[in-house]
């Protein structure tokens, strides 16, 4: 007989970028010509440390019996996300 707990967890990290972009083109009679193009990365902030998501389920197996699984036994771990706090933290990191 085996009794165990299977679980999977992840700690995602999100990257927020602020980029600038300029492109100057000239439309000619049969073609478009690219005169100037420039990209800037103005800011980049990573957010997510401490956030954790997960799923777990019990495993029970007895020799000679079929493996049984009940979706109602699955539990999910979801982080408590406060959008106002996240935006405030991001603004402080960028500014």
N, C-alpha and C. Protein backbone atom coordinates (compact mmCIF):
# COMPACT_ATOMS: atom_id res chain seq x y z
N UNK A 1 0.84 -1.17 0.00
CA UNK A 1 0.00 0.00 0.00
C UNK A 1 0.90 1.24 0.00
N UNK A 2 0.49 2.25 -0.79
CA UNK A 2 1.21 3.52 -0.86
C UNK A 2 0.24 4.65 -0.57
N UNK A 3 0.58 5.49 0.39
CA UNK A 3 -0.14 6.74 0.65
C UNK A 3 0.87 7.87 0.52
N UNK A 4 0.60 8.79 -0.39
CA UNK A 4 1.53 9.89 -0.63
C UNK A 4 0.75 11.14 -1.03
N UNK A 5 1.45 12.23 -1.09
CA UNK A 5 0.87 13.50 -1.52
C UNK A 5 1.69 14.00 -2.70
N UNK A 6 1.06 14.20 -3.85
CA UNK A 6 1.74 14.75 -5.02
C UNK A 6 1.44 16.24 -5.08
N UNK A 7 2.49 17.03 -5.26
CA UNK A 7 2.27 18.47 -5.35
C UNK A 7 3.23 19.12 -6.32
N UNK A 8 2.78 20.22 -6.86
CA UNK A 8 3.55 20.99 -7.83
C UNK A 8 3.37 22.46 -7.48
N UNK A 9 4.48 23.19 -7.34
CA UNK A 9 4.41 24.61 -7.03
C UNK A 9 5.29 25.39 -8.00
N UNK A 10 4.95 26.65 -8.18
CA UNK A 10 5.72 27.54 -9.05
C UNK A 10 5.71 28.94 -8.45
N UNK A 11 6.80 29.66 -8.65
CA UNK A 11 6.91 31.05 -8.23
C UNK A 11 7.15 31.90 -9.48
N UNK A 12 6.09 32.39 -10.10
CA UNK A 12 6.25 33.15 -11.33
C UNK A 12 6.87 34.53 -11.08
N UNK A 13 7.61 35.00 -12.05
CA UNK A 13 8.16 36.35 -12.04
C UNK A 13 7.69 37.05 -13.31
N UNK A 14 7.13 38.23 -13.14
CA UNK A 14 6.63 39.01 -14.26
C UNK A 14 7.60 40.14 -14.56
N UNK A 15 7.84 40.41 -15.84
CA UNK A 15 8.69 41.51 -16.25
C UNK A 15 7.84 42.56 -16.95
N UNK A 16 7.93 43.79 -16.45
CA UNK A 16 7.20 44.91 -17.04
C UNK A 16 8.22 45.84 -17.68
N UNK A 17 8.02 46.16 -18.95
CA UNK A 17 8.95 47.01 -19.70
C UNK A 17 8.24 48.26 -20.18
N UNK A 18 9.00 49.35 -20.22
CA UNK A 18 8.55 50.58 -20.87
C UNK A 18 9.55 50.86 -21.98
N UNK A 19 9.05 50.86 -23.21
CA UNK A 19 9.92 51.02 -24.37
C UNK A 19 9.49 52.22 -25.19
N UNK A 20 10.47 52.81 -25.88
CA UNK A 20 10.20 53.89 -26.83
C UNK A 20 10.58 53.43 -28.22
N UNK A 21 9.89 54.01 -29.22
CA UNK A 21 10.12 53.57 -30.59
C UNK A 21 9.83 54.72 -31.54
N UNK A 22 10.77 54.98 -32.46
CA UNK A 22 10.58 56.00 -33.49
C UNK A 22 10.90 55.37 -34.84
N UNK A 23 10.03 55.63 -35.80
CA UNK A 23 10.28 55.14 -37.16
C UNK A 23 9.86 56.23 -38.15
N UNK A 24 10.77 56.56 -39.05
CA UNK A 24 10.51 57.57 -40.07
C UNK A 24 10.59 56.87 -41.43
N UNK A 25 9.52 56.97 -42.19
CA UNK A 25 9.50 56.36 -43.52
C UNK A 25 9.07 57.41 -44.56
N UNK A 26 9.40 57.12 -45.79
CA UNK A 26 8.98 57.96 -46.91
C UNK A 26 8.22 57.07 -47.88
N UNK A 27 7.02 57.49 -48.21
CA UNK A 27 6.22 56.74 -49.19
C UNK A 27 6.51 57.29 -50.58
N UNK A 28 7.16 56.48 -51.39
CA UNK A 28 7.44 56.84 -52.76
C UNK A 28 6.37 56.23 -53.65
N UNK A 29 6.43 56.51 -54.90
CA UNK A 29 5.40 56.11 -55.82
C UNK A 29 5.11 54.61 -55.77
N UNK A 30 6.10 53.74 -55.80
CA UNK A 30 5.90 52.31 -55.80
C UNK A 30 6.47 51.60 -54.57
N UNK A 31 7.05 52.35 -53.65
CA UNK A 31 7.77 51.70 -52.55
C UNK A 31 7.74 52.60 -51.31
N UNK A 32 7.98 51.98 -50.16
CA UNK A 32 8.14 52.71 -48.90
C UNK A 32 9.58 52.53 -48.45
N UNK A 33 10.24 53.65 -48.15
CA UNK A 33 11.65 53.63 -47.77
C UNK A 33 11.75 53.95 -46.29
N UNK A 34 12.50 53.14 -45.57
CA UNK A 34 12.73 53.34 -44.16
C UNK A 34 13.91 54.30 -44.00
N UNK A 35 13.66 55.53 -43.48
CA UNK A 35 14.71 56.53 -43.34
C UNK A 35 15.42 56.46 -41.99
N UNK A 36 14.68 56.16 -40.93
CA UNK A 36 15.27 56.14 -39.59
C UNK A 36 14.42 55.27 -38.69
N UNK A 37 15.08 54.49 -37.85
CA UNK A 37 14.37 53.64 -36.89
C UNK A 37 15.22 53.51 -35.63
N UNK A 38 14.61 53.74 -34.47
CA UNK A 38 15.34 53.68 -33.21
C UNK A 38 14.42 53.11 -32.13
N UNK A 39 14.98 52.21 -31.28
CA UNK A 39 14.27 51.62 -30.14
C UNK A 39 15.02 51.98 -28.86
N UNK A 40 14.28 52.27 -27.79
CA UNK A 40 14.86 52.53 -26.49
C UNK A 40 14.15 51.69 -25.45
N UNK A 41 14.90 51.11 -24.53
CA UNK A 41 14.30 50.48 -23.36
C UNK A 41 14.45 51.49 -22.23
N UNK A 42 13.33 52.08 -21.84
CA UNK A 42 13.34 53.14 -20.86
C UNK A 42 13.37 52.62 -19.43
N UNK A 43 12.68 51.52 -19.19
CA UNK A 43 12.66 50.93 -17.84
C UNK A 43 12.25 49.47 -17.95
N UNK A 44 12.74 48.68 -17.01
CA UNK A 44 12.36 47.27 -16.94
C UNK A 44 12.35 46.87 -15.47
N UNK A 45 11.24 46.30 -15.03
CA UNK A 45 11.09 45.92 -13.63
C UNK A 45 10.56 44.50 -13.56
N UNK A 46 11.17 43.69 -12.70
CA UNK A 46 10.66 42.34 -12.46
C UNK A 46 9.87 42.34 -11.16
N UNK A 47 8.76 41.63 -11.17
CA UNK A 47 7.92 41.56 -9.98
C UNK A 47 7.43 40.13 -9.81
N UNK A 48 7.33 39.70 -8.58
CA UNK A 48 6.76 38.39 -8.36
C UNK A 48 7.39 37.59 -7.25
N UNK A 49 8.47 38.07 -6.67
CA UNK A 49 9.08 37.28 -5.61
C UNK A 49 8.11 37.13 -4.46
N UNK A 50 8.00 35.93 -3.97
CA UNK A 50 7.08 35.66 -2.87
C UNK A 50 5.72 35.17 -3.32
N UNK A 51 5.37 35.37 -4.58
CA UNK A 51 4.11 34.85 -5.08
C UNK A 51 4.30 33.37 -5.41
N UNK A 52 3.39 32.54 -4.97
CA UNK A 52 3.52 31.11 -5.23
C UNK A 52 2.16 30.52 -5.56
N UNK A 53 2.13 29.73 -6.63
CA UNK A 53 0.92 29.01 -7.02
C UNK A 53 1.23 27.52 -6.94
N UNK A 54 0.20 26.72 -6.68
CA UNK A 54 0.46 25.29 -6.58
C UNK A 54 -0.80 24.46 -6.65
N UNK A 55 -0.60 23.18 -6.81
CA UNK A 55 -1.68 22.20 -6.84
C UNK A 55 -1.17 20.94 -6.14
N UNK A 56 -2.05 20.30 -5.38
CA UNK A 56 -1.65 19.05 -4.73
C UNK A 56 -2.84 18.10 -4.67
N UNK A 57 -2.51 16.81 -4.59
CA UNK A 57 -3.55 15.78 -4.54
C UNK A 57 -2.99 14.55 -3.82
N UNK A 58 -3.83 13.89 -3.06
CA UNK A 58 -3.37 12.67 -2.39
C UNK A 58 -3.31 11.51 -3.38
N UNK A 59 -2.38 10.60 -3.12
CA UNK A 59 -2.23 9.39 -3.93
C UNK A 59 -2.38 8.19 -3.00
N UNK A 60 -3.26 7.29 -3.37
CA UNK A 60 -3.45 6.07 -2.58
C UNK A 60 -3.48 4.90 -3.56
N UNK A 61 -2.63 3.91 -3.30
CA UNK A 61 -2.57 2.74 -4.17
C UNK A 61 -2.44 1.49 -3.32
N UNK A 62 -3.25 0.49 -3.65
CA UNK A 62 -3.14 -0.83 -3.03
C UNK A 62 -2.98 -1.85 -4.14
N UNK A 63 -2.05 -2.77 -3.95
CA UNK A 63 -1.79 -3.79 -4.96
C UNK A 63 -3.05 -4.62 -5.17
N UNK A 64 -3.34 -4.86 -6.45
CA UNK A 64 -4.50 -5.67 -6.80
C UNK A 64 -5.78 -4.86 -6.91
N UNK A 65 -5.76 -3.61 -6.59
CA UNK A 65 -6.94 -2.75 -6.70
C UNK A 65 -6.68 -1.68 -7.75
N UNK A 66 -7.73 -1.24 -8.41
CA UNK A 66 -7.54 -0.18 -9.42
C UNK A 66 -7.17 1.15 -8.74
N UNK A 67 -6.38 1.92 -9.45
CA UNK A 67 -6.00 3.24 -8.97
C UNK A 67 -7.23 4.13 -9.01
N UNK A 68 -7.52 4.81 -7.94
CA UNK A 68 -8.68 5.70 -7.92
C UNK A 68 -8.23 7.13 -7.68
N UNK A 69 -8.92 8.04 -8.35
CA UNK A 69 -8.60 9.46 -8.24
C UNK A 69 -9.91 10.24 -8.16
N UNK A 70 -9.98 11.18 -7.24
CA UNK A 70 -11.17 12.01 -7.09
C UNK A 70 -10.78 13.47 -7.27
N UNK A 71 -11.32 14.14 -8.27
CA UNK A 71 -11.01 15.56 -8.46
C UNK A 71 -11.35 16.42 -7.25
N UNK A 72 -12.27 15.98 -6.42
CA UNK A 72 -12.62 16.77 -5.25
C UNK A 72 -11.50 16.79 -4.20
N UNK A 73 -10.54 15.87 -4.30
CA UNK A 73 -9.42 15.84 -3.37
C UNK A 73 -8.28 16.78 -3.78
N UNK A 74 -8.35 17.34 -4.97
CA UNK A 74 -7.30 18.24 -5.45
C UNK A 74 -7.46 19.60 -4.77
N UNK A 75 -6.34 20.14 -4.27
CA UNK A 75 -6.36 21.47 -3.67
C UNK A 75 -5.42 22.39 -4.44
N UNK A 76 -5.80 23.65 -4.51
CA UNK A 76 -5.03 24.65 -5.22
C UNK A 76 -4.52 25.70 -4.24
N UNK A 77 -3.29 26.13 -4.45
CA UNK A 77 -2.70 27.19 -3.66
C UNK A 77 -2.58 28.41 -4.56
N UNK A 78 -3.30 29.46 -4.23
CA UNK A 78 -3.29 30.67 -5.03
C UNK A 78 -2.77 31.83 -4.19
N UNK A 79 -1.96 32.70 -4.79
CA UNK A 79 -1.43 33.83 -4.02
C UNK A 79 -2.51 34.88 -3.79
N UNK A 80 -2.35 35.63 -2.73
CA UNK A 80 -3.23 36.76 -2.45
C UNK A 80 -2.68 37.96 -3.22
N UNK A 81 -3.37 38.38 -4.28
CA UNK A 81 -2.88 39.45 -5.13
C UNK A 81 -3.69 40.71 -4.87
N UNK A 82 -2.99 41.78 -4.51
CA UNK A 82 -3.60 43.09 -4.29
C UNK A 82 -3.14 44.01 -5.42
N UNK A 83 -4.00 44.26 -6.44
CA UNK A 83 -3.58 45.04 -7.61
C UNK A 83 -3.07 46.44 -7.24
N UNK A 84 -3.69 47.09 -6.25
CA UNK A 84 -3.25 48.43 -5.86
C UNK A 84 -1.84 48.39 -5.30
N UNK A 85 -1.54 47.40 -4.48
CA UNK A 85 -0.21 47.26 -3.90
C UNK A 85 0.82 46.95 -4.99
N UNK A 86 0.47 46.10 -5.94
CA UNK A 86 1.39 45.76 -7.03
C UNK A 86 1.71 46.99 -7.86
N UNK A 87 0.70 47.77 -8.23
CA UNK A 87 0.93 48.97 -9.03
C UNK A 87 1.77 49.99 -8.26
N UNK A 88 1.50 50.14 -6.97
CA UNK A 88 2.29 51.07 -6.15
C UNK A 88 3.75 50.63 -6.11
N UNK A 89 4.00 49.35 -5.88
CA UNK A 89 5.37 48.82 -5.87
C UNK A 89 6.08 49.03 -7.19
N UNK A 90 5.37 48.79 -8.31
CA UNK A 90 5.96 48.96 -9.63
C UNK A 90 6.32 50.42 -9.89
N UNK A 91 5.46 51.34 -9.51
CA UNK A 91 5.73 52.77 -9.71
C UNK A 91 6.96 53.17 -8.90
N UNK A 92 7.08 52.71 -7.67
CA UNK A 92 8.24 53.04 -6.84
C UNK A 92 9.53 52.45 -7.42
N UNK A 93 9.46 51.26 -8.02
CA UNK A 93 10.66 50.65 -8.59
C UNK A 93 11.09 51.36 -9.88
N UNK A 94 10.11 51.84 -10.66
CA UNK A 94 10.43 52.51 -11.92
C UNK A 94 10.91 53.93 -11.68
N UNK A 95 10.24 54.64 -10.79
CA UNK A 95 10.54 56.07 -10.57
C UNK A 95 11.77 56.27 -9.73
